[in-house]
């Protein structure tokens, strides 16, 4: 459910310097444009995911489970037009956010969601250890 980054040993190589610079630049760009903040807490038999989506209506949010991946999408459009005296003003704002999570250890059929005051809360019940699909393969 969480991303883990392996330890990386640094070498004094000019190409590593530029690769790291590009990776950090693109990482910061992506984070500022397409994701939203989440908090995930482990409550023993379930995880609780809280996603900050202020300014969105409930109908703007789509939650989808595909195989072992949970994807949250939020998209909205605001368009205003103002006509006063000799000027016309039109403004449009678009917002779109997507984030996906691995839910391989979650009972996907029992996920519950609610949205209140800009916070999307998902209750993600854990699978019981006996529900794992572990199978022993005999060698012939």
N, C-alpha and C. Protein backbone atom coordinates (compact mmCIF):
# COMPACT_ATOMS: atom_id res chain seq x y z
N UNK A 1 0.82 -1.19 0.00
CA UNK A 1 0.00 0.00 0.00
C UNK A 1 0.86 1.25 0.00
N UNK A 2 2.13 1.13 0.34
CA UNK A 2 3.00 2.29 0.41
C UNK A 2 4.15 2.13 -0.56
N UNK A 3 4.63 3.24 -1.07
CA UNK A 3 5.78 3.20 -1.97
C UNK A 3 7.05 3.17 -1.14
N UNK A 4 7.93 2.26 -1.46
CA UNK A 4 9.22 2.19 -0.79
C UNK A 4 10.31 2.47 -1.81
N UNK A 5 11.28 3.28 -1.43
CA UNK A 5 12.38 3.62 -2.31
C UNK A 5 13.63 2.94 -1.79
N UNK A 6 14.28 2.13 -2.60
CA UNK A 6 15.50 1.46 -2.14
C UNK A 6 16.64 2.45 -1.95
N UNK A 7 17.56 2.06 -1.09
CA UNK A 7 18.75 2.87 -0.84
C UNK A 7 19.58 2.92 -2.11
N UNK A 8 20.04 4.11 -2.46
CA UNK A 8 20.81 4.29 -3.69
C UNK A 8 22.19 4.83 -3.34
N UNK A 9 23.20 4.12 -3.75
CA UNK A 9 24.57 4.59 -3.51
C UNK A 9 24.94 5.61 -4.56
N UNK A 10 25.53 6.69 -4.13
CA UNK A 10 25.93 7.76 -5.05
C UNK A 10 27.35 7.52 -5.56
N UNK A 11 27.52 7.88 -6.82
CA UNK A 11 28.84 7.87 -7.40
C UNK A 11 29.14 9.28 -7.87
N UNK A 12 30.39 9.63 -7.93
CA UNK A 12 30.77 10.96 -8.41
C UNK A 12 30.85 10.94 -9.92
N UNK A 13 29.69 10.90 -10.55
CA UNK A 13 29.60 10.81 -12.00
C UNK A 13 28.75 11.97 -12.50
N UNK A 14 29.21 12.69 -13.50
CA UNK A 14 28.50 13.85 -14.01
C UNK A 14 27.13 13.46 -14.57
N UNK A 15 27.00 12.27 -15.16
CA UNK A 15 25.72 11.83 -15.70
C UNK A 15 24.71 11.59 -14.59
N UNK A 16 25.17 11.04 -13.44
CA UNK A 16 24.28 10.86 -12.31
C UNK A 16 23.75 12.20 -11.81
N UNK A 17 24.60 13.21 -11.82
CA UNK A 17 24.20 14.54 -11.38
C UNK A 17 23.05 15.06 -12.24
N UNK A 18 23.18 14.97 -13.57
CA UNK A 18 22.14 15.47 -14.46
C UNK A 18 20.88 14.60 -14.40
N UNK A 19 21.05 13.29 -14.27
CA UNK A 19 19.88 12.43 -14.16
C UNK A 19 19.08 12.74 -12.90
N UNK A 20 19.79 12.95 -11.78
CA UNK A 20 19.12 13.31 -10.52
C UNK A 20 18.43 14.66 -10.63
N UNK A 21 19.06 15.61 -11.28
CA UNK A 21 18.48 16.94 -11.43
C UNK A 21 17.18 16.84 -12.24
N UNK A 22 17.20 16.08 -13.32
CA UNK A 22 16.01 15.92 -14.14
C UNK A 22 14.92 15.18 -13.37
N UNK A 23 15.29 14.15 -12.64
CA UNK A 23 14.31 13.38 -11.88
C UNK A 23 13.64 14.25 -10.82
N UNK A 24 14.42 15.06 -10.11
CA UNK A 24 13.84 15.93 -9.09
C UNK A 24 12.95 17.00 -9.71
N UNK A 25 13.36 17.55 -10.84
CA UNK A 25 12.56 18.57 -11.49
C UNK A 25 11.21 18.00 -11.91
N UNK A 26 11.22 16.87 -12.58
CA UNK A 26 9.97 16.28 -13.06
C UNK A 26 9.11 15.78 -11.90
N UNK A 27 9.74 15.28 -10.84
CA UNK A 27 9.00 14.81 -9.67
C UNK A 27 8.24 15.97 -9.03
N UNK A 28 8.90 17.11 -8.87
CA UNK A 28 8.24 18.26 -8.26
C UNK A 28 7.14 18.81 -9.16
N UNK A 29 7.35 18.79 -10.47
CA UNK A 29 6.34 19.26 -11.41
C UNK A 29 5.10 18.37 -11.34
N UNK A 30 5.30 17.07 -11.34
CA UNK A 30 4.19 16.13 -11.29
C UNK A 30 3.41 16.27 -10.00
N UNK A 31 4.11 16.40 -8.86
CA UNK A 31 3.42 16.50 -7.59
C UNK A 31 2.55 17.74 -7.51
N UNK A 32 3.01 18.83 -8.08
CA UNK A 32 2.26 20.06 -8.01
C UNK A 32 1.08 20.10 -8.95
N UNK A 33 1.03 19.22 -9.93
CA UNK A 33 0.00 19.31 -10.95
C UNK A 33 -1.06 18.23 -10.86
N UNK A 34 -0.72 17.00 -10.53
CA UNK A 34 -1.67 15.93 -10.76
C UNK A 34 -2.05 15.12 -9.53
N UNK A 35 -1.51 15.41 -8.38
CA UNK A 35 -1.85 14.62 -7.22
C UNK A 35 -2.47 15.49 -6.14
N UNK A 36 -2.95 14.84 -5.12
CA UNK A 36 -3.54 15.53 -3.98
C UNK A 36 -3.01 14.86 -2.72
N UNK A 37 -3.10 15.56 -1.62
CA UNK A 37 -2.54 15.06 -0.37
C UNK A 37 -3.43 13.99 0.24
N UNK A 38 -2.79 12.95 0.77
CA UNK A 38 -3.53 11.89 1.44
C UNK A 38 -2.85 11.53 2.75
N UNK A 39 -3.65 11.08 3.69
CA UNK A 39 -3.17 10.50 4.94
C UNK A 39 -3.75 9.10 5.01
N UNK A 40 -2.90 8.13 5.34
CA UNK A 40 -3.35 6.74 5.47
C UNK A 40 -2.99 6.28 6.87
N UNK A 41 -4.00 5.82 7.61
CA UNK A 41 -3.76 5.32 8.97
C UNK A 41 -4.14 3.84 9.02
N UNK A 42 -3.38 3.10 9.81
CA UNK A 42 -3.62 1.68 10.02
C UNK A 42 -4.38 1.53 11.33
N UNK A 43 -5.61 1.03 11.26
CA UNK A 43 -6.43 0.87 12.45
C UNK A 43 -6.62 -0.59 12.81
N UNK A 44 -5.62 -1.39 12.56
CA UNK A 44 -5.67 -2.81 12.91
C UNK A 44 -6.30 -3.64 11.81
N UNK A 45 -7.63 -3.70 11.78
CA UNK A 45 -8.32 -4.54 10.79
C UNK A 45 -8.68 -3.77 9.52
N UNK A 46 -8.31 -2.47 9.47
CA UNK A 46 -8.61 -1.67 8.28
C UNK A 46 -7.64 -0.50 8.17
N UNK A 47 -7.52 0.01 6.94
CA UNK A 47 -6.81 1.26 6.70
C UNK A 47 -7.86 2.33 6.48
N UNK A 48 -7.54 3.56 6.88
CA UNK A 48 -8.40 4.70 6.59
C UNK A 48 -7.59 5.67 5.76
N UNK A 49 -8.07 5.96 4.56
CA UNK A 49 -7.40 6.88 3.65
C UNK A 49 -8.22 8.17 3.63
N UNK A 50 -7.56 9.29 3.93
CA UNK A 50 -8.21 10.59 3.86
C UNK A 50 -7.51 11.41 2.78
N UNK A 51 -8.28 11.85 1.79
CA UNK A 51 -7.74 12.62 0.67
C UNK A 51 -8.31 14.03 0.71
N UNK A 52 -7.42 15.01 0.58
CA UNK A 52 -7.84 16.41 0.57
C UNK A 52 -8.25 16.81 -0.84
N UNK A 53 -9.52 17.12 -1.03
CA UNK A 53 -10.06 17.54 -2.33
C UNK A 53 -10.96 18.76 -2.14
N UNK A 54 -10.43 19.86 -1.62
CA UNK A 54 -11.28 21.03 -1.39
C UNK A 54 -11.75 21.65 -2.70
N UNK A 55 -12.97 22.15 -2.68
CA UNK A 55 -13.51 22.81 -3.86
C UNK A 55 -14.20 21.88 -4.84
N UNK A 56 -14.13 20.59 -4.61
CA UNK A 56 -14.78 19.63 -5.49
C UNK A 56 -16.15 19.27 -4.93
N UNK A 57 -17.10 18.99 -5.82
CA UNK A 57 -18.38 18.43 -5.42
C UNK A 57 -18.25 16.92 -5.41
N UNK A 58 -19.16 16.27 -4.69
CA UNK A 58 -19.15 14.81 -4.63
C UNK A 58 -19.25 14.20 -6.03
N UNK A 59 -20.01 14.84 -6.90
CA UNK A 59 -20.20 14.32 -8.27
C UNK A 59 -18.95 14.48 -9.14
N UNK A 60 -17.99 15.30 -8.71
CA UNK A 60 -16.74 15.51 -9.46
C UNK A 60 -15.72 14.41 -9.19
N UNK A 61 -15.99 13.54 -8.22
CA UNK A 61 -15.02 12.54 -7.77
C UNK A 61 -15.43 11.16 -8.26
N UNK A 62 -14.46 10.44 -8.81
CA UNK A 62 -14.69 9.08 -9.30
C UNK A 62 -13.70 8.16 -8.62
N UNK A 63 -14.20 7.09 -8.03
CA UNK A 63 -13.34 6.09 -7.38
C UNK A 63 -13.56 4.78 -8.11
N UNK A 64 -12.45 4.17 -8.53
CA UNK A 64 -12.53 2.96 -9.34
C UNK A 64 -11.53 1.92 -8.84
N UNK A 65 -11.96 0.66 -8.83
CA UNK A 65 -11.07 -0.45 -8.49
C UNK A 65 -10.92 -1.31 -9.73
N UNK A 66 -9.66 -1.52 -10.14
CA UNK A 66 -9.36 -2.36 -11.29
C UNK A 66 -8.25 -3.31 -10.87
N UNK A 67 -8.57 -4.59 -10.84
CA UNK A 67 -7.66 -5.61 -10.32
C UNK A 67 -7.27 -5.23 -8.89
N UNK A 68 -6.03 -5.00 -8.61
CA UNK A 68 -5.59 -4.63 -7.26
C UNK A 68 -5.15 -3.18 -7.18
N UNK A 69 -5.80 -2.32 -7.97
CA UNK A 69 -5.44 -0.92 -7.98
C UNK A 69 -6.68 -0.05 -7.77
N UNK A 70 -6.59 0.83 -6.76
CA UNK A 70 -7.65 1.79 -6.47
C UNK A 70 -7.22 3.12 -7.08
N UNK A 71 -8.08 3.72 -7.90
CA UNK A 71 -7.77 5.00 -8.52
C UNK A 71 -8.83 6.01 -8.12
N UNK A 72 -8.37 7.17 -7.66
CA UNK A 72 -9.25 8.27 -7.31
C UNK A 72 -9.00 9.37 -8.33
N UNK A 73 -10.08 9.81 -8.99
CA UNK A 73 -10.00 10.91 -9.95
C UNK A 73 -10.95 12.01 -9.49
N UNK A 74 -10.48 13.23 -9.58
CA UNK A 74 -11.32 14.38 -9.26
C UNK A 74 -11.13 15.41 -10.37
N UNK A 75 -12.24 15.88 -10.93
CA UNK A 75 -12.15 16.83 -12.03
C UNK A 75 -13.33 17.79 -11.95
N UNK A 76 -13.04 19.06 -12.15
CA UNK A 76 -14.13 20.02 -12.20
C UNK A 76 -13.77 21.19 -13.10
N UNK A 77 -14.83 21.89 -13.54
CA UNK A 77 -14.67 23.05 -14.41
C UNK A 77 -15.52 24.18 -13.84
N UNK A 78 -14.95 25.36 -13.83
CA UNK A 78 -15.68 26.54 -13.39
C UNK A 78 -15.55 27.58 -14.50
N UNK A 79 -16.68 28.11 -14.93
CA UNK A 79 -16.66 29.11 -15.98
C UNK A 79 -17.52 30.29 -15.52
N UNK A 80 -16.96 31.49 -15.59
CA UNK A 80 -17.72 32.69 -15.21
C UNK A 80 -17.65 33.70 -16.35
N UNK A 81 -18.72 34.45 -16.50
CA UNK A 81 -18.76 35.50 -17.51
C UNK A 81 -19.38 36.72 -16.85
N UNK A 82 -18.76 37.88 -17.08
CA UNK A 82 -19.22 39.11 -16.45
C UNK A 82 -19.28 40.21 -17.51
N UNK A 83 -20.41 40.83 -17.64
CA UNK A 83 -20.58 41.95 -18.58
C UNK A 83 -20.93 43.21 -17.78
N UNK A 84 -20.05 44.20 -17.80
CA UNK A 84 -20.30 45.47 -17.12
C UNK A 84 -19.84 46.61 -18.02
N UNK A 85 -20.68 47.61 -18.14
CA UNK A 85 -20.37 48.80 -18.93
C UNK A 85 -19.71 48.45 -20.25
N UNK A 86 -18.42 48.78 -20.41
CA UNK A 86 -17.73 48.59 -21.69
C UNK A 86 -16.80 47.39 -21.72
N UNK A 87 -16.82 46.55 -20.72
CA UNK A 87 -15.89 45.43 -20.76
C UNK A 87 -16.61 44.11 -20.52
N UNK A 88 -16.02 43.10 -21.06
CA UNK A 88 -16.52 41.74 -20.89
C UNK A 88 -15.38 40.92 -20.31
N UNK A 89 -15.69 40.14 -19.31
CA UNK A 89 -14.66 39.31 -18.70
C UNK A 89 -15.16 37.87 -18.67
N UNK A 90 -14.33 36.94 -19.15
CA UNK A 90 -14.62 35.52 -19.09
C UNK A 90 -13.43 34.83 -18.44
N UNK A 91 -13.72 33.97 -17.52
CA UNK A 91 -12.67 33.19 -16.88
C UNK A 91 -13.09 31.74 -16.82
N UNK A 92 -12.13 30.87 -17.03
CA UNK A 92 -12.36 29.44 -16.95
C UNK A 92 -11.27 28.82 -16.09
N UNK A 93 -11.69 27.92 -15.24
CA UNK A 93 -10.73 27.19 -14.42
C UNK A 93 -11.03 25.70 -14.56
N UNK A 94 -9.98 24.93 -14.73
CA UNK A 94 -10.11 23.49 -14.83
C UNK A 94 -9.18 22.86 -13.80
N UNK A 95 -9.65 21.85 -13.15
CA UNK A 95 -8.82 21.13 -12.20
C UNK A 95 -9.01 19.64 -12.39
N UNK A 96 -7.92 18.92 -12.42
CA UNK A 96 -7.99 17.48 -12.60
C UNK A 96 -6.87 16.84 -11.80
N UNK A 97 -7.24 15.87 -10.97
CA UNK A 97 -6.27 15.18 -10.12
C UNK A 97 -6.51 13.68 -10.20
N UNK A 98 -5.43 12.91 -10.20
CA UNK A 98 -5.53 11.45 -10.23
C UNK A 98 -4.48 10.88 -9.30
N UNK A 99 -4.87 9.85 -8.58
CA UNK A 99 -3.91 9.16 -7.72
C UNK A 99 -4.35 7.70 -7.61
N UNK A 100 -3.38 6.78 -7.65
CA UNK A 100 -3.67 5.34 -7.58
C UNK A 100 -2.93 4.71 -6.42
N UNK A 101 -3.54 3.64 -5.88
CA UNK A 101 -2.98 2.94 -4.73
C UNK A 101 -3.09 1.44 -4.95
N UNK A 102 -2.08 0.70 -4.48
CA UNK A 102 -2.09 -0.76 -4.52
C UNK A 102 -2.98 -1.24 -3.38
N UNK A 103 -3.99 -2.04 -3.69
CA UNK A 103 -4.89 -2.55 -2.66
C UNK A 103 -4.93 -4.08 -2.68
N UNK A 104 -3.79 -4.69 -2.94
CA UNK A 104 -3.75 -6.15 -3.02
C UNK A 104 -4.08 -6.83 -1.70
N UNK A 105 -3.91 -6.14 -0.57
CA UNK A 105 -4.23 -6.74 0.72
C UNK A 105 -5.52 -6.17 1.31
N UNK A 106 -6.42 -5.67 0.44
CA UNK A 106 -7.67 -5.04 0.85
C UNK A 106 -8.85 -5.82 0.29
N UNK A 107 -9.94 -5.91 1.08
CA UNK A 107 -11.19 -6.50 0.60
C UNK A 107 -11.90 -5.45 -0.27
N UNK A 108 -11.62 -5.46 -1.55
CA UNK A 108 -12.11 -4.39 -2.43
C UNK A 108 -13.63 -4.31 -2.48
N UNK A 109 -14.32 -5.43 -2.29
CA UNK A 109 -15.79 -5.42 -2.35
C UNK A 109 -16.41 -4.74 -1.12
N UNK A 110 -15.63 -4.49 -0.07
CA UNK A 110 -16.15 -3.89 1.16
C UNK A 110 -15.63 -2.47 1.42
N UNK A 111 -15.05 -1.84 0.42
CA UNK A 111 -14.56 -0.47 0.58
C UNK A 111 -15.75 0.48 0.72
N UNK A 112 -15.64 1.39 1.69
CA UNK A 112 -16.68 2.40 1.92
C UNK A 112 -16.08 3.78 1.71
N UNK A 113 -16.89 4.71 1.18
CA UNK A 113 -16.40 6.06 0.92
C UNK A 113 -17.42 7.09 1.39
N UNK A 114 -16.89 8.22 1.89
CA UNK A 114 -17.76 9.37 2.19
C UNK A 114 -16.96 10.64 1.91
N UNK A 115 -17.68 11.70 1.61
CA UNK A 115 -17.06 12.98 1.27
C UNK A 115 -17.74 14.07 2.07
N UNK A 116 -16.94 14.81 2.85
CA UNK A 116 -17.50 15.87 3.70
C UNK A 116 -16.47 16.97 3.88
N UNK A 117 -16.88 18.21 3.62
CA UNK A 117 -16.02 19.39 3.82
C UNK A 117 -14.67 19.28 3.11
N UNK A 118 -14.66 18.78 1.89
CA UNK A 118 -13.44 18.72 1.11
C UNK A 118 -12.53 17.55 1.43
N UNK A 119 -12.96 16.65 2.30
CA UNK A 119 -12.15 15.48 2.67
C UNK A 119 -12.89 14.22 2.22
N UNK A 120 -12.22 13.45 1.35
CA UNK A 120 -12.73 12.14 0.95
C UNK A 120 -12.14 11.11 1.90
N UNK A 121 -13.00 10.33 2.54
CA UNK A 121 -12.55 9.31 3.48
C UNK A 121 -12.93 7.94 2.94
N UNK A 122 -11.93 7.06 2.81
CA UNK A 122 -12.17 5.69 2.37
C UNK A 122 -11.83 4.74 3.51
N UNK A 123 -12.72 3.82 3.80
CA UNK A 123 -12.47 2.75 4.76
C UNK A 123 -12.07 1.53 3.94
N UNK A 124 -10.86 1.04 4.17
CA UNK A 124 -10.29 -0.06 3.39
C UNK A 124 -10.05 -1.26 4.30
N UNK A 125 -11.03 -2.18 4.40
CA UNK A 125 -10.86 -3.34 5.28
C UNK A 125 -9.78 -4.28 4.76
N UNK A 126 -8.93 -4.73 5.67
CA UNK A 126 -7.83 -5.63 5.29
C UNK A 126 -8.36 -7.04 5.05
N UNK A 127 -7.67 -7.75 4.18
CA UNK A 127 -7.97 -9.17 3.99
C UNK A 127 -7.44 -9.93 5.18
N UNK A 128 -8.14 -11.00 5.54
CA UNK A 128 -7.63 -11.88 6.60
C UNK A 128 -6.45 -12.66 6.05
N UNK A 129 -5.47 -12.95 6.89
CA UNK A 129 -4.31 -13.71 6.40
C UNK A 129 -4.71 -15.05 5.77
N UNK A 130 -5.82 -15.64 6.23
CA UNK A 130 -6.25 -16.92 5.67
C UNK A 130 -6.81 -16.76 4.26
N UNK A 131 -7.14 -15.53 3.87
CA UNK A 131 -7.68 -15.27 2.55
C UNK A 131 -6.60 -15.14 1.48
N UNK A 132 -5.34 -15.17 1.88
CA UNK A 132 -4.28 -15.00 0.88
C UNK A 132 -4.30 -16.17 -0.10
N UNK A 133 -3.87 -15.89 -1.29
CA UNK A 133 -3.92 -16.90 -2.35
C UNK A 133 -2.58 -17.60 -2.46
N UNK A 134 -2.06 -18.04 -1.36
CA UNK A 134 -0.79 -18.76 -1.34
C UNK A 134 -1.07 -20.22 -1.65
N UNK A 135 -0.25 -20.75 -2.51
CA UNK A 135 -0.41 -22.15 -2.92
C UNK A 135 0.97 -22.78 -3.01
N UNK A 136 1.08 -23.95 -2.46
CA UNK A 136 2.35 -24.69 -2.52
C UNK A 136 2.36 -25.51 -3.82
N UNK A 137 3.48 -25.45 -4.51
CA UNK A 137 3.66 -26.18 -5.76
C UNK A 137 4.56 -27.38 -5.49
N UNK A 138 4.05 -28.54 -5.80
CA UNK A 138 4.83 -29.76 -5.64
C UNK A 138 5.79 -29.93 -6.81
N UNK A 139 6.97 -30.41 -6.51
CA UNK A 139 7.98 -30.68 -7.53
C UNK A 139 7.90 -32.15 -7.91
N UNK A 140 7.78 -32.43 -9.18
CA UNK A 140 7.69 -33.83 -9.66
C UNK A 140 9.00 -34.29 -10.20
